[in-house]
């Protein structure tokens, strides 16, 4: 069995029962441990996402420009 919770929960209670009817109750509390994301990683991800968006916009603009001013087949 596994469980997951968001960062905003202070704790949770798990109650399970097996097929034989045995019950178990477990409590988990947040103890403040863990490693938060550093500012460098955060800004690196934001910068990479912005670069990707700009590249996609550039590719889209290039394709539209090329299609708009392409030569007419058979025209002289």
PDB file of N, CA and C in Angstrom:
ATOM      1  N   UNK A   1       0.838  -1.162   0.000  1.00  0.00           N
ATOM      2  CA  UNK A   1       0.000   0.000   0.000  1.00  0.00           C
ATOM      3  C   UNK A   1       0.888   1.231   0.000  1.00  0.00           C
ATOM      4  N   UNK A   2       0.441   2.246  -0.711  1.00  0.00           N
ATOM      5  CA  UNK A   2       1.160   3.515  -0.693  1.00  0.00           C
ATOM      6  C   UNK A   2       0.144   4.642  -0.635  1.00  0.00           C
ATOM      7  N   UNK A   3       0.575   5.775  -0.135  1.00  0.00           N
ATOM      8  CA  UNK A   3      -0.288   6.943  -0.034  1.00  0.00           C
ATOM      9  C   UNK A   3       0.541   8.177  -0.341  1.00  0.00           C
ATOM     10  N   UNK A   4      -0.111   9.207  -0.827  1.00  0.00           N
ATOM     11  CA  UNK A   4       0.572  10.460  -1.126  1.00  0.00           C
ATOM     12  C   UNK A   4      -0.296  11.619  -0.662  1.00  0.00           C
ATOM     13  N   UNK A   5       0.340  12.715  -0.336  1.00  0.00           N
ATOM     14  CA  UNK A   5      -0.382  13.902   0.114  1.00  0.00           C
ATOM     15  C   UNK A   5       0.313  15.132  -0.436  1.00  0.00           C
ATOM     16  N   UNK A   6      -0.404  16.219  -0.515  1.00  0.00           N
ATOM     17  CA  UNK A   6       0.193  17.465  -0.992  1.00  0.00           C
ATOM     18  C   UNK A   6       1.028  18.091   0.125  1.00  0.00           C
ATOM     19  N   UNK A   7       1.718  19.142  -0.216  1.00  0.00           N
ATOM     20  CA  UNK A   7       2.592  19.797   0.761  1.00  0.00           C
ATOM     21  C   UNK A   7       1.814  20.583   1.811  1.00  0.00           C
ATOM     22  N   UNK A   8       0.545  20.799   1.590  1.00  0.00           N
ATOM     23  CA  UNK A   8      -0.228  21.643   2.500  1.00  0.00           C
ATOM     24  C   UNK A   8      -0.840  20.869   3.670  1.00  0.00           C
ATOM     25  N   UNK A   9      -0.780  19.567   3.653  1.00  0.00           N
ATOM     26  CA  UNK A   9      -1.345  18.771   4.742  1.00  0.00           C
ATOM     27  C   UNK A   9      -0.370  18.687   5.908  1.00  0.00           C
ATOM     28  N   UNK A  10      -0.883  18.816   7.092  1.00  0.00           N
ATOM     29  CA  UNK A  10      -0.052  18.661   8.282  1.00  0.00           C
ATOM     30  C   UNK A  10       0.082  17.200   8.688  1.00  0.00           C
ATOM     31  N   UNK A  11      -0.870  16.381   8.300  1.00  0.00           N
ATOM     32  CA  UNK A  11      -0.819  14.969   8.634  1.00  0.00           C
ATOM     33  C   UNK A  11      -1.990  14.235   8.014  1.00  0.00           C
ATOM     34  N   UNK A  12      -1.994  12.916   8.168  1.00  0.00           N
ATOM     35  CA  UNK A  12      -3.105  12.124   7.668  1.00  0.00           C
ATOM     36  C   UNK A  12      -3.230  10.836   8.460  1.00  0.00           C
ATOM     37  N   UNK A  13      -4.412  10.257   8.391  1.00  0.00           N
ATOM     38  CA  UNK A  13      -4.707   9.009   9.088  1.00  0.00           C
ATOM     39  C   UNK A  13      -5.110   7.986   8.038  1.00  0.00           C
ATOM     40  N   UNK A  14      -4.479   6.821   8.083  1.00  0.00           N
ATOM     41  CA  UNK A  14      -4.810   5.724   7.175  1.00  0.00           C
ATOM     42  C   UNK A  14      -5.474   4.612   7.960  1.00  0.00           C
ATOM     43  N   UNK A  15      -6.628   4.217   7.512  1.00  0.00           N
ATOM     44  CA  UNK A  15      -7.330   3.092   8.136  1.00  0.00           C
ATOM     45  C   UNK A  15      -7.511   2.025   7.067  1.00  0.00           C
ATOM     46  N   UNK A  16      -7.003   0.822   7.357  1.00  0.00           N
ATOM     47  CA  UNK A  16      -7.107  -0.273   6.395  1.00  0.00           C
ATOM     48  C   UNK A  16      -7.735  -1.493   7.061  1.00  0.00           C
ATOM     49  N   UNK A  17      -8.369  -2.312   6.224  1.00  0.00           N
ATOM     50  CA  UNK A  17      -8.966  -3.557   6.697  1.00  0.00           C
ATOM     51  C   UNK A  17      -8.681  -4.623   5.645  1.00  0.00           C
ATOM     52  N   UNK A  18      -8.129  -5.758   6.087  1.00  0.00           N
ATOM     53  CA  UNK A  18      -7.852  -6.821   5.130  1.00  0.00           C
ATOM     54  C   UNK A  18      -9.075  -7.727   4.968  1.00  0.00           C
ATOM     55  N   UNK A  19      -8.952  -8.733   4.108  1.00  0.00           N
ATOM     56  CA  UNK A  19     -10.094  -9.601   3.812  1.00  0.00           C
ATOM     57  C   UNK A  19     -10.526 -10.424   5.021  1.00  0.00           C
ATOM     58  N   UNK A  20      -9.647 -10.628   5.979  1.00  0.00           N
ATOM     59  CA  UNK A  20      -9.991 -11.382   7.185  1.00  0.00           C
ATOM     60  C   UNK A  20     -10.693 -10.506   8.220  1.00  0.00           C
ATOM     61  N   UNK A  21     -10.800  -9.218   7.951  1.00  0.00           N
ATOM     62  CA  UNK A  21     -11.472  -8.321   8.888  1.00  0.00           C
ATOM     63  C   UNK A  21     -10.547  -7.653   9.875  1.00  0.00           C
ATOM     64  N   UNK A  22      -9.237  -7.886   9.779  1.00  0.00           N
ATOM     65  CA  UNK A  22      -8.278  -7.233  10.665  1.00  0.00           C
ATOM     66  C   UNK A  22      -8.165  -5.754  10.287  1.00  0.00           C
ATOM     67  N   UNK A  23      -8.241  -4.905  11.278  1.00  0.00           N
ATOM     68  CA  UNK A  23      -8.166  -3.469  11.021  1.00  0.00           C
ATOM     69  C   UNK A  23      -6.877  -2.907  11.585  1.00  0.00           C
ATOM     70  N   UNK A  24      -6.366  -1.907  10.890  1.00  0.00           N
ATOM     71  CA  UNK A  24      -5.148  -1.225  11.329  1.00  0.00           C
ATOM     72  C   UNK A  24      -5.318   0.262  11.052  1.00  0.00           C
ATOM     73  N   UNK A  25      -4.896   1.061  12.007  1.00  0.00           N
ATOM     74  CA  UNK A  25      -4.976   2.510  11.861  1.00  0.00           C
ATOM     75  C   UNK A  25      -3.578   3.079  12.038  1.00  0.00           C
ATOM     76  N   UNK A  26      -3.138   3.888  11.073  1.00  0.00           N
ATOM     77  CA  UNK A  26      -1.805   4.478  11.118  1.00  0.00           C
ATOM     78  C   UNK A  26      -1.916   5.989  10.939  1.00  0.00           C
ATOM     79  N   UNK A  27      -1.082   6.715  11.658  1.00  0.00           N
ATOM     80  CA  UNK A  27      -1.066   8.163  11.547  1.00  0.00           C
ATOM     81  C   UNK A  27       0.295   8.618  11.053  1.00  0.00           C
ATOM     82  N   UNK A  28       0.276   9.605  10.208  1.00  0.00           N
ATOM     83  CA  UNK A  28       1.517  10.203   9.700  1.00  0.00           C
ATOM     84  C   UNK A  28       1.407  11.711   9.862  1.00  0.00           C
ATOM     85  N   UNK A  29       2.467  12.325  10.368  1.00  0.00           N
ATOM     86  CA  UNK A  29       2.485  13.771  10.553  1.00  0.00           C
ATOM     87  C   UNK A  29       3.676  14.364   9.827  1.00  0.00           C
ATOM     88  N   UNK A  30       3.483  15.563   9.382  1.00  0.00           N
ATOM     89  CA  UNK A  30       4.559  16.277   8.696  1.00  0.00           C
ATOM     90  C   UNK A  30       5.579  16.722   9.728  1.00  0.00           C
ATOM     91  N   UNK A  31       6.845  16.439   9.432  1.00  0.00           N
ATOM     92  CA  UNK A  31       7.884  16.817  10.393  1.00  0.00           C
ATOM     93  C   UNK A  31       8.790  17.933   9.883  1.00  0.00           C
ATOM     94  N   UNK A  32       8.453  18.501   8.722  1.00  0.00           N
ATOM     95  CA  UNK A  32       9.224  19.633   8.212  1.00  0.00           C
ATOM     96  C   UNK A  32      10.491  19.250   7.478  1.00  0.00           C
ATOM     97  N   UNK A  33      10.744  17.962   7.309  1.00  0.00           N
ATOM     98  CA  UNK A  33      11.942  17.553   6.587  1.00  0.00           C
ATOM     99  C   UNK A  33      11.661  17.554   5.096  1.00  0.00           C
ATOM    100  N   UNK A  34      12.674  17.385   4.341  1.00  0.00           N
ATOM    101  CA  UNK A  34      12.561  17.408   2.886  1.00  0.00           C
ATOM    102  C   UNK A  34      13.375  18.571   2.342  1.00  0.00           C
ATOM    103  N   UNK A  35      13.560  18.561   1.047  1.00  0.00           N
ATOM    104  CA  UNK A  35      14.346  19.610   0.434  1.00  0.00           C
ATOM    105  C   UNK A  35      13.468  20.422  -0.505  1.00  0.00           C
ATOM    106  N   UNK A  36      13.277  21.693  -0.199  1.00  0.00           N
ATOM    107  CA  UNK A  36      12.497  22.542  -1.100  1.00  0.00           C
ATOM    108  C   UNK A  36      13.305  22.838  -2.366  1.00  0.00           C
ATOM    109  N   UNK A  37      12.628  23.215  -3.416  1.00  0.00           N
ATOM    110  CA  UNK A  37      13.300  23.527  -4.676  1.00  0.00           C
ATOM    111  C   UNK A  37      14.077  24.834  -4.502  1.00  0.00           C
ATOM    112  N   UNK A  38      15.299  24.849  -4.992  1.00  0.00           N
ATOM    113  CA  UNK A  38      16.131  26.041  -4.834  1.00  0.00           C
ATOM    114  C   UNK A  38      15.716  27.117  -5.833  1.00  0.00           C
ATOM    115  N   UNK A  39      16.102  28.348  -5.540  1.00  0.00           N
ATOM    116  CA  UNK A  39      15.766  29.462  -6.431  1.00  0.00           C
ATOM    117  C   UNK A  39      16.404  29.298  -7.803  1.00  0.00           C
ATOM    118  N   UNK A  40      17.624  28.779  -7.834  1.00  0.00           N
ATOM    119  CA  UNK A  40      18.305  28.582  -9.117  1.00  0.00           C
ATOM    120  C   UNK A  40      17.571  27.597 -10.006  1.00  0.00           C
ATOM    121  N   UNK A  41      17.113  26.499  -9.426  1.00  0.00           N
ATOM    122  CA  UNK A  41      16.369  25.502 -10.199  1.00  0.00           C
ATOM    123  C   UNK A  41      15.030  26.076 -10.645  1.00  0.00           C
ATOM    124  N   UNK A  42      14.372  26.795  -9.748  1.00  0.00           N
ATOM    125  CA  UNK A  42      13.071  27.393 -10.074  1.00  0.00           C
ATOM    126  C   UNK A  42      13.195  28.353 -11.256  1.00  0.00           C
ATOM    127  N   UNK A  43      14.166  29.261 -11.210  1.00  0.00           N
ATOM    128  CA  UNK A  43      14.338  30.228 -12.292  1.00  0.00           C
ATOM    129  C   UNK A  43      14.849  29.555 -13.561  1.00  0.00           C
ATOM    130  N   UNK A  44      15.618  28.496 -13.414  1.00  0.00           N
ATOM    131  CA  UNK A  44      16.060  27.745 -14.587  1.00  0.00           C
ATOM    132  C   UNK A  44      14.886  27.104 -15.317  1.00  0.00           C
ATOM    133  N   UNK A  45      13.963  26.532 -14.562  1.00  0.00           N
ATOM    134  CA  UNK A  45      12.770  25.935 -15.172  1.00  0.00           C
ATOM    135  C   UNK A  45      11.890  26.991 -15.829  1.00  0.00           C
ATOM    136  N   UNK A  46      11.731  28.135 -15.172  1.00  0.00           N
ATOM    137  CA  UNK A  46      10.927  29.218 -15.749  1.00  0.00           C
ATOM    138  C   UNK A  46      11.582  29.723 -17.040  1.00  0.00           C
ATOM    139  N   UNK A  47      12.886  29.908 -17.022  1.00  0.00           N
ATOM    140  CA  UNK A  47      13.598  30.370 -18.217  1.00  0.00           C
ATOM    141  C   UNK A  47      13.509  29.375 -19.361  1.00  0.00           C
ATOM    142  N   UNK A  48      13.646  28.092 -19.053  1.00  0.00           N
ATOM    143  CA  UNK A  48      13.552  27.064 -20.095  1.00  0.00           C
ATOM    144  C   UNK A  48      12.154  27.015 -20.687  1.00  0.00           C
ATOM    145  N   UNK A  49      11.132  27.164 -19.852  1.00  0.00           N
ATOM    146  CA  UNK A  49       9.756  27.163 -20.357  1.00  0.00           C
ATOM    147  C   UNK A  49       9.506  28.374 -21.250  1.00  0.00           C
ATOM    148  N   UNK A  50      10.016  29.534 -20.854  1.00  0.00           N
ATOM    149  CA  UNK A  50       9.849  30.729 -21.677  1.00  0.00           C
ATOM    150  C   UNK A  50      10.583  30.593 -23.003  1.00  0.00           C
ATOM    151  N   UNK A  51      11.778  30.025 -22.980  1.00  0.00           N
ATOM    152  CA  UNK A  51      12.532  29.816 -24.215  1.00  0.00           C
ATOM    153  C   UNK A  51      11.789  28.867 -25.145  1.00  0.00           C
ATOM    154  N   UNK A  52      11.225  27.805 -24.596  1.00  0.00           N
ATOM    155  CA  UNK A  52      10.473  26.854 -25.412  1.00  0.00           C
ATOM    156  C   UNK A  52       9.260  27.525 -26.050  1.00  0.00           C
ATOM    157  N   UNK A  53       8.559  28.340 -25.291  1.00  0.00           N
ATOM    158  CA  UNK A  53       7.395  29.049 -25.826  1.00  0.00           C
ATOM    159  C   UNK A  53       7.819  29.988 -26.951  1.00  0.00           C
ATOM    160  N   UNK A  54       8.912  30.730 -26.758  1.00  0.00           N
ATOM    161  CA  UNK A  54       9.384  31.640 -27.798  1.00  0.00           C
ATOM    162  C   UNK A  54       9.822  30.886 -29.051  1.00  0.00           C
ATOM    163  N   UNK A  55      10.450  29.735 -28.875  1.00  0.00           N
ATOM    164  CA  UNK A  55      10.851  28.922 -30.036  1.00  0.00           C
ATOM    165  C   UNK A  55       9.626  28.445 -30.796  1.00  0.00           C
ATOM    166  N   UNK A  56       8.610  27.984 -30.087  1.00  0.00           N
ATOM    167  CA  UNK A  56       7.387  27.527 -30.753  1.00  0.00           C
ATOM    168  C   UNK A  56       6.685  28.669 -31.477  1.00  0.00           C
ATOM    169  N   UNK A  57       6.648  29.845 -30.879  1.00  0.00           N
ATOM    170  CA  UNK A  57       6.051  31.007 -31.547  1.00  0.00           C
ATOM    171  C   UNK A  57       6.855  31.358 -32.793  1.00  0.00           C
ATOM    172  N   UNK A  58       8.170  31.306 -32.695  1.00  0.00           N
ATOM    173  CA  UNK A  58       9.028  31.593 -33.849  1.00  0.00           C
ATOM    174  C   UNK A  58       8.813  30.607 -34.985  1.00  0.00           C
ATOM    175  N   UNK A  59       8.718  29.333 -34.661  1.00  0.00           N
ATOM    176  CA  UNK A  59       8.476  28.319 -35.690  1.00  0.00           C
ATOM    177  C   UNK A  59       7.113  28.542 -36.333  1.00  0.00           C
ATOM    178  N   UNK A  60       6.096  28.819 -35.533  1.00  0.00           N
ATOM    179  CA  UNK A  60       4.767  29.085 -36.072  1.00  0.00           C
ATOM    180  C   UNK A  60       4.758  30.303 -36.980  1.00  0.00           C
ATOM    181  N   UNK A  61       5.423  31.383 -36.570  1.00  0.00           N
ATOM    182  CA  UNK A  61       5.481  32.597 -37.388  1.00  0.00           C
ATOM    183  C   UNK A  61       6.228  32.336 -38.684  1.00  0.00           C
ATOM    184  N   UNK A  62       7.315  31.596 -38.627  1.00  0.00           N
ATOM    185  CA  UNK A  62       8.082  31.281 -39.822  1.00  0.00           C
ATOM    186  C   UNK A  62       7.255  30.465 -40.806  1.00  0.00           C
ATOM    187  N   UNK A  63       6.530  29.479 -40.306  1.00  0.00           N
ATOM    188  CA  UNK A  63       5.705  28.645 -41.187  1.00  0.00           C
ATOM    189  C   UNK A  63       4.580  29.466 -41.826  1.00  0.00           C
ATOM    190  N   UNK A  64       3.948  30.337 -41.062  1.00  0.00           N
ATOM    191  CA  UNK A  64       2.878  31.184 -41.610  1.00  0.00           C
ATOM    192  C   UNK A  64       3.436  32.158 -42.635  1.00  0.00           C
ATOM    193  N   UNK A  65       4.585  32.754 -42.364  1.00  0.00           N
ATOM    194  CA  UNK A  65       5.209  33.700 -43.298  1.00  0.00           C
ATOM    195  C   UNK A  65       5.585  32.999 -44.595  1.00  0.00           C
ATOM    196  N   UNK A  66       6.154  31.805 -44.468  1.00  0.00           N
ATOM    197  CA  UNK A  66       6.579  31.054 -45.651  1.00  0.00           C
ATOM    198  C   UNK A  66       5.383  30.659 -46.499  1.00  0.00           C
ATOM    199  N   UNK A  67       4.300  30.257 -45.866  1.00  0.00           N
ATOM    200  CA  UNK A  67       3.111  29.841 -46.598  1.00  0.00           C
ATOM    201  C   UNK A  67       2.460  31.047 -47.287  1.00  0.00           C
ATOM    202  N   UNK A  68       2.450  32.187 -46.621  1.00  0.00           N
ATOM    203  CA  UNK A  68       1.796  33.373 -47.167  1.00  0.00           C
ATOM    204  C   UNK A  68       2.498  33.895 -48.421  1.00  0.00           C
ATOM    205  N   UNK A  69       3.825  33.860 -48.439  1.00  0.00           N
ATOM    206  CA  UNK A  69       4.579  34.424 -49.563  1.00  0.00           C
ATOM    207  C   UNK A  69       5.225  33.376 -50.433  1.00  0.00           C
ATOM    208  N   UNK A  70       4.660  32.186 -50.479  1.00  0.00           N
ATOM    209  CA  UNK A  70       5.229  31.175 -51.367  1.00  0.00           C
ATOM    210  C   UNK A  70       4.815  31.473 -52.798  1.00  0.00           C
ATOM    211  N   UNK A  71       5.607  30.991 -53.747  1.00  0.00           N
ATOM    212  CA  UNK A  71       5.310  31.250 -55.160  1.00  0.00           C
ATOM    213  C   UNK A  71       4.118  30.430 -55.619  1.00  0.00           C
ATOM    214  N   UNK A  72       3.426  30.937 -56.610  1.00  0.00           N
ATOM    215  CA  UNK A  72       2.261  30.261 -57.156  1.00  0.00           C
ATOM    216  C   UNK A  72       2.739  29.206 -58.147  1.00  0.00           C
ATOM    217  N   UNK A  73       2.268  27.967 -58.036  1.00  0.00           N
ATOM    218  CA  UNK A  73       2.722  26.946 -58.971  1.00  0.00           C
ATOM    219  C   UNK A  73       2.325  27.309 -60.419  1.00  0.00           C
ATOM    220  N   UNK A  74       3.274  27.191 -61.323  1.00  0.00           N
ATOM    221  CA  UNK A  74       3.035  27.459 -62.737  1.00  0.00           C
ATOM    222  C   UNK A  74       3.075  28.925 -63.095  1.00  0.00           C
ATOM    223  N   UNK A  75       3.227  29.810 -62.126  1.00  0.00           N
ATOM    224  CA  UNK A  75       3.243  31.245 -62.404  1.00  0.00           C
ATOM    225  C   UNK A  75       4.649  31.712 -62.769  1.00  0.00           C
ATOM    226  N   UNK A  76       4.741  32.777 -63.577  1.00  0.00           N
ATOM    227  CA  UNK A  76       6.049  33.296 -63.967  1.00  0.00           C
ATOM    228  C   UNK A  76       6.198  34.740 -63.617  1.00  0.00           C
TER     229      UNK A  76
END
